[in-house]
Every structure is written in C-alpha cells, then in structure tokens.
Amino acid sequence: MARSREQFRLPASRARLAGGVAIAAKLASDFGSWRTTAAEVEQVAVVLADRSPDWLADFIDRHLKHQFGIAAWPLARALVRLGAIPRPDVPEYATLMPNGVTWHAHEGNAQVQTPLQALLADAGLLEDEIWRLFAVPEAGKVLADIDGRHEWLEECRGRAVEAIEVHIAGLLADGEPIPEEIGAPRLLAVTVAA
C-alpha cells in the first residue's frame, strides 16, 4: 500500500525541528526498505527537497555510508535530480549506483527496468555517475561482487541476468548516446586521474 505524502511530512518536520541530521539519519534507518517502492522513495525525496534543510547533503552522505532503512542510492539520486543537493562526493554514491539503478525491480514496484533502460531513462547518469565507476577504487570490487550474484541468480532462475557493466561498455563502444569522441577520451582521462 502506497504511503501518502502527508505520512512523510511528520517525520521530516520532526527531524527539522528536533536535531537535524542525527534525527533524520535515525528516521531513515528505521524506515523499512524491503517493502518500500520507488514511488515512496520519490515521495520522501520530494518532502526533503521541499523542506530543504541545510543538513540535507550531509544526511545523504551519511546515509549512503550506512545504508540502513530507506534505499540510500535511489533517495540520493532522486534528491540530485530534484536539484535539492549536489551529487554526493562520497565513494558510496558511485559504488551503490550499479545496484541502485535497478533497485526498484522488486514486486512492490510496477515498472521493472533493465540496467540499460535505467541508464537511458536518467540522462544525468551518463553525464557523471557512470564515469565515477572508473575513478572510485572500490567500484571494481563492487562490480565483481555483482557479477558473482548474477551468476548465482542465473543458476537459481535458469535465465540470464543483465550486468550493468556490460551495458556501460556497450554504450561507450556504440557511440550512442555517448559520442565516441567524448566516451573514449573521457574514459581515459578519468582512469588516469584515478
């Protein structure tokens, strides 16, 4: 059952009045993520963006690091898309992205996207976030762990599971929607700088 925006206003307003980022972090960790839908995460993001507390970016950095409660990466990405916070500069914003873009693919959500569909649906991911995967040292291990889970899921389900890195490589190689003259030089610059 979807929660209404009003149900999110009270916790958000309490957090603003009663201690800021520490209280917000506690409320977020108490929020059950297994049954939370993408629409509910968007509602929470809209309320937080509407309130625009001065501690919002700090809260998201902390939440990305601790990842308990409401889905950290989808919430962070929603706030970035809304313009409520700048792109977080913590490594977890990059390392949680591969799972985060397809997080909503569970039974409580109406739309299930492949990694490629998720990347193409959010143009900002192609401008910044995918490049961070090549610059953050922890990202390689995360992608390897995801590959291991995909192999296990394929064995359990008896069908292929699409890996995000395959789609990223395909986007870079195809030149669409990332032009080849931008993709290869930027990839080289990002990896050398890392």
Protein backbone atom coordinates (compact mmCIF):
# COMPACT_ATOMS: atom_id res chain seq x y z
CA MET A 1 0.00 0.00 0.00
CA ALA A 2 1.48 3.33 -1.03
CA ARG A 3 2.06 5.88 1.66
CA SER A 4 0.74 9.38 1.17
CA ARG A 5 2.95 12.44 1.11
CA GLU A 6 1.36 13.54 4.38
CA GLN A 7 2.72 10.45 6.14
CA PHE A 8 6.24 11.59 5.27
CA ARG A 9 5.73 15.20 6.36
CA LEU A 10 5.56 14.46 10.08
CA PRO A 11 8.88 12.57 10.32
CA ALA A 12 10.56 15.13 8.06
CA SER A 13 9.22 18.06 10.08
CA ARG A 14 10.21 16.40 13.36
CA ALA A 15 13.71 15.88 12.04
CA ARG A 16 13.98 19.54 11.10
CA LEU A 17 12.72 20.77 14.45
CA ALA A 18 14.37 18.28 16.76
CA GLY A 19 18.01 17.89 15.90
CA GLY A 20 18.58 17.87 12.18
CA VAL A 21 20.84 15.33 10.53
CA ALA A 22 21.18 12.95 13.50
CA ILE A 23 17.42 12.58 13.88
CA ALA A 24 16.92 12.31 10.10
CA ALA A 25 19.55 9.56 9.94
CA LYS A 26 17.75 7.67 12.72
CA LEU A 27 14.36 8.04 10.99
CA ALA A 28 15.84 6.88 7.66
CA SER A 29 17.42 3.82 9.27
CA ASP A 30 14.10 2.90 10.90
CA PHE A 31 12.32 3.06 7.55
CA GLY A 32 11.75 -0.46 6.20
CA SER A 33 13.43 -0.69 2.80
CA TRP A 34 12.34 -4.18 1.76
CA ARG A 35 8.78 -3.13 1.14
CA THR A 36 9.43 0.43 0.07
CA THR A 37 8.52 1.21 -3.51
CA ALA A 38 10.31 3.55 -5.88
CA ALA A 39 7.29 5.87 -5.71
CA GLU A 40 7.61 6.07 -1.93
CA VAL A 41 11.31 6.90 -2.16
CA GLU A 42 10.40 9.66 -4.62
CA GLN A 43 7.79 10.97 -2.16
CA VAL A 44 10.34 11.09 0.65
CA ALA A 45 12.75 12.92 -1.68
CA VAL A 46 10.07 15.46 -2.63
CA VAL A 47 9.31 16.19 1.04
CA LEU A 48 13.00 16.54 1.89
CA ALA A 49 13.60 18.75 -1.15
CA ASP A 50 10.55 20.84 -0.25
CA ARG A 51 11.81 21.33 3.32
CA SER A 52 15.37 21.90 2.08
CA PRO A 53 17.13 21.63 5.44
CA ASP A 54 20.70 22.91 5.49
CA TRP A 55 21.92 19.47 6.63
CA LEU A 56 20.37 17.52 3.73
CA ALA A 57 23.61 16.86 1.79
CA ASP A 58 25.37 15.73 5.00
CA PHE A 59 22.45 13.44 5.80
CA ILE A 60 22.65 11.81 2.35
CA ASP A 61 26.44 11.33 2.66
CA ARG A 62 25.91 9.57 6.00
CA HIS A 63 23.00 7.53 4.69
CA LEU A 64 24.99 6.34 1.67
CA LYS A 65 27.75 5.15 4.02
CA HIS A 66 25.44 3.31 6.43
CA GLN A 67 22.71 2.10 4.01
CA PHE A 68 20.14 1.07 6.60
CA GLY A 69 16.46 1.78 6.13
CA ILE A 70 15.18 3.61 3.10
CA ALA A 71 17.14 2.79 -0.06
CA ALA A 72 20.18 5.09 0.09
CA TRP A 73 21.22 5.41 -3.55
CA PRO A 74 17.72 5.85 -5.03
CA LEU A 75 17.00 8.53 -2.40
CA ALA A 76 20.29 10.32 -3.11
CA ARG A 77 19.72 10.16 -6.87
CA ALA A 78 16.16 11.48 -6.53
CA LEU A 79 17.42 14.44 -4.48
CA VAL A 80 20.13 15.14 -7.07
CA ARG A 81 17.56 15.02 -9.89
CA LEU A 82 15.31 17.42 -7.93
CA GLY A 83 18.23 19.83 -7.50
CA ALA A 84 17.96 19.62 -3.71
CA ILE A 85 21.59 18.51 -3.25
CA PRO A 86 24.72 18.39 -5.39
CA ARG A 87 25.98 14.97 -6.46
CA PRO A 88 27.43 13.38 -3.31
CA ASP A 89 31.21 13.19 -3.28
CA VAL A 90 31.45 10.02 -1.18
CA PRO A 91 32.66 6.78 -2.85
CA GLU A 92 29.40 5.03 -1.95
CA TYR A 93 27.49 7.24 -4.37
CA ALA A 94 29.43 5.51 -7.16
CA THR A 95 29.65 2.03 -5.66
CA LEU A 96 25.93 1.81 -4.85
CA MET A 97 24.89 3.02 -8.31
CA PRO A 98 25.04 -0.36 -10.13
CA ASN A 99 22.52 -1.88 -7.73
CA GLY A 100 20.72 1.41 -7.17
CA VAL A 101 19.64 1.97 -10.76
CA THR A 102 17.73 -1.32 -10.77
CA TRP A 103 16.78 -1.31 -7.08
CA HIS A 104 13.12 -0.74 -7.88
CA ALA A 105 12.92 -4.06 -9.70
CA HIS A 106 11.03 -5.92 -6.98
CA GLU A 107 7.45 -6.96 -6.50
CA GLY A 108 6.22 -3.74 -4.88
CA ASN A 109 7.06 -1.67 -7.92
CA ALA A 110 5.08 -1.51 -11.10
CA GLN A 111 7.91 -0.96 -13.56
CA VAL A 112 10.92 -3.23 -13.84
CA GLN A 113 13.81 -1.85 -15.87
CA THR A 114 16.92 -3.50 -17.18
CA PRO A 115 20.20 -1.75 -16.32
CA LEU A 116 20.33 -0.32 -19.85
CA GLN A 117 16.78 1.06 -19.62
CA ALA A 118 17.59 2.63 -16.25
CA LEU A 119 20.75 4.28 -17.59
CA LEU A 120 18.98 5.64 -20.65
CA ALA A 121 15.98 6.86 -18.61
CA ASP A 122 18.16 9.14 -16.47
CA ALA A 123 20.47 11.20 -18.71
CA GLY A 124 22.36 12.55 -15.71
CA LEU A 125 23.78 9.09 -15.07
CA LEU A 126 25.52 9.21 -18.44
CA GLU A 127 26.91 12.69 -17.71
CA ASP A 128 28.54 11.93 -14.38
CA GLU A 129 27.72 8.81 -12.43
CA ILE A 130 28.97 6.11 -14.81
CA TRP A 131 32.33 7.87 -15.02
CA ARG A 132 32.71 7.60 -11.26
CA LEU A 133 32.74 3.82 -11.58
CA PHE A 134 36.10 4.18 -13.33
CA ALA A 135 37.51 6.62 -10.76
CA VAL A 136 36.47 5.13 -7.41
CA PRO A 137 38.83 2.34 -6.33
CA GLU A 138 36.10 0.31 -4.59
CA ALA A 139 33.93 0.17 -7.72
CA GLY A 140 35.86 -2.72 -9.31
CA LYS A 141 35.24 -4.97 -6.31
CA VAL A 142 31.58 -3.97 -6.22
CA LEU A 143 31.14 -4.87 -9.89
CA ALA A 144 32.91 -8.20 -9.33
CA ASP A 145 30.59 -8.94 -6.38
CA ILE A 146 27.57 -8.09 -8.52
CA ASP A 147 28.85 -10.46 -11.22
CA GLY A 148 29.04 -13.22 -8.60
CA ARG A 149 25.46 -12.58 -7.53
CA HIS A 150 24.36 -12.57 -11.17
CA GLU A 151 25.93 -15.99 -11.72
CA TRP A 152 24.10 -17.30 -8.66
CA LEU A 153 20.79 -15.74 -9.79
CA GLU A 154 21.21 -17.20 -13.27
CA GLU A 155 21.68 -20.66 -11.76
CA CYS A 156 18.64 -20.22 -9.49
CA ARG A 157 16.34 -18.70 -12.09
CA GLY A 158 17.62 -20.56 -15.13
CA ARG A 159 17.90 -17.38 -17.19
CA ALA A 160 20.45 -14.67 -17.87
CA VAL A 161 20.73 -11.65 -15.59
CA GLU A 162 21.86 -8.43 -17.24
CA ALA A 163 25.01 -6.85 -15.79
CA ILE A 164 25.28 -3.07 -15.73
CA GLU A 165 28.95 -3.03 -16.75
CA VAL A 166 28.09 -4.83 -19.99
CA HIS A 167 25.64 -2.05 -20.81
CA ILE A 168 28.11 0.68 -19.89
CA ALA A 169 30.75 -0.90 -22.13
CA GLY A 170 28.16 -1.16 -24.90
CA LEU A 171 27.18 2.49 -24.54
CA LEU A 172 30.82 3.55 -24.76
CA ALA A 173 31.56 1.28 -27.74
CA ASP A 174 28.41 2.08 -29.73
CA GLY A 175 28.83 5.85 -29.57
CA GLU A 176 25.14 6.22 -28.69
CA PRO A 177 24.08 8.15 -26.65
CA ILE A 178 27.70 8.87 -25.63
CA PRO A 179 29.52 10.05 -28.76
CA GLU A 180 32.71 8.05 -29.39
CA GLU A 181 34.83 11.22 -29.48
CA ILE A 182 33.68 12.00 -25.93
CA GLY A 183 33.48 8.49 -24.47
CA ALA A 184 36.98 7.16 -25.12
CA PRO A 185 38.88 10.38 -24.19
CA ARG A 186 36.82 10.88 -21.04
CA LEU A 187 37.22 7.25 -20.02
CA LEU A 188 40.98 7.57 -20.45
CA ALA A 189 41.12 10.86 -18.51
CA VAL A 190 39.02 9.51 -15.64
CA THR A 191 41.01 6.31 -15.26
CA VAL A 192 44.39 8.07 -15.47
CA ALA A 193 43.27 10.63 -12.86
CA ALA A 194 42.18 7.83 -10.52
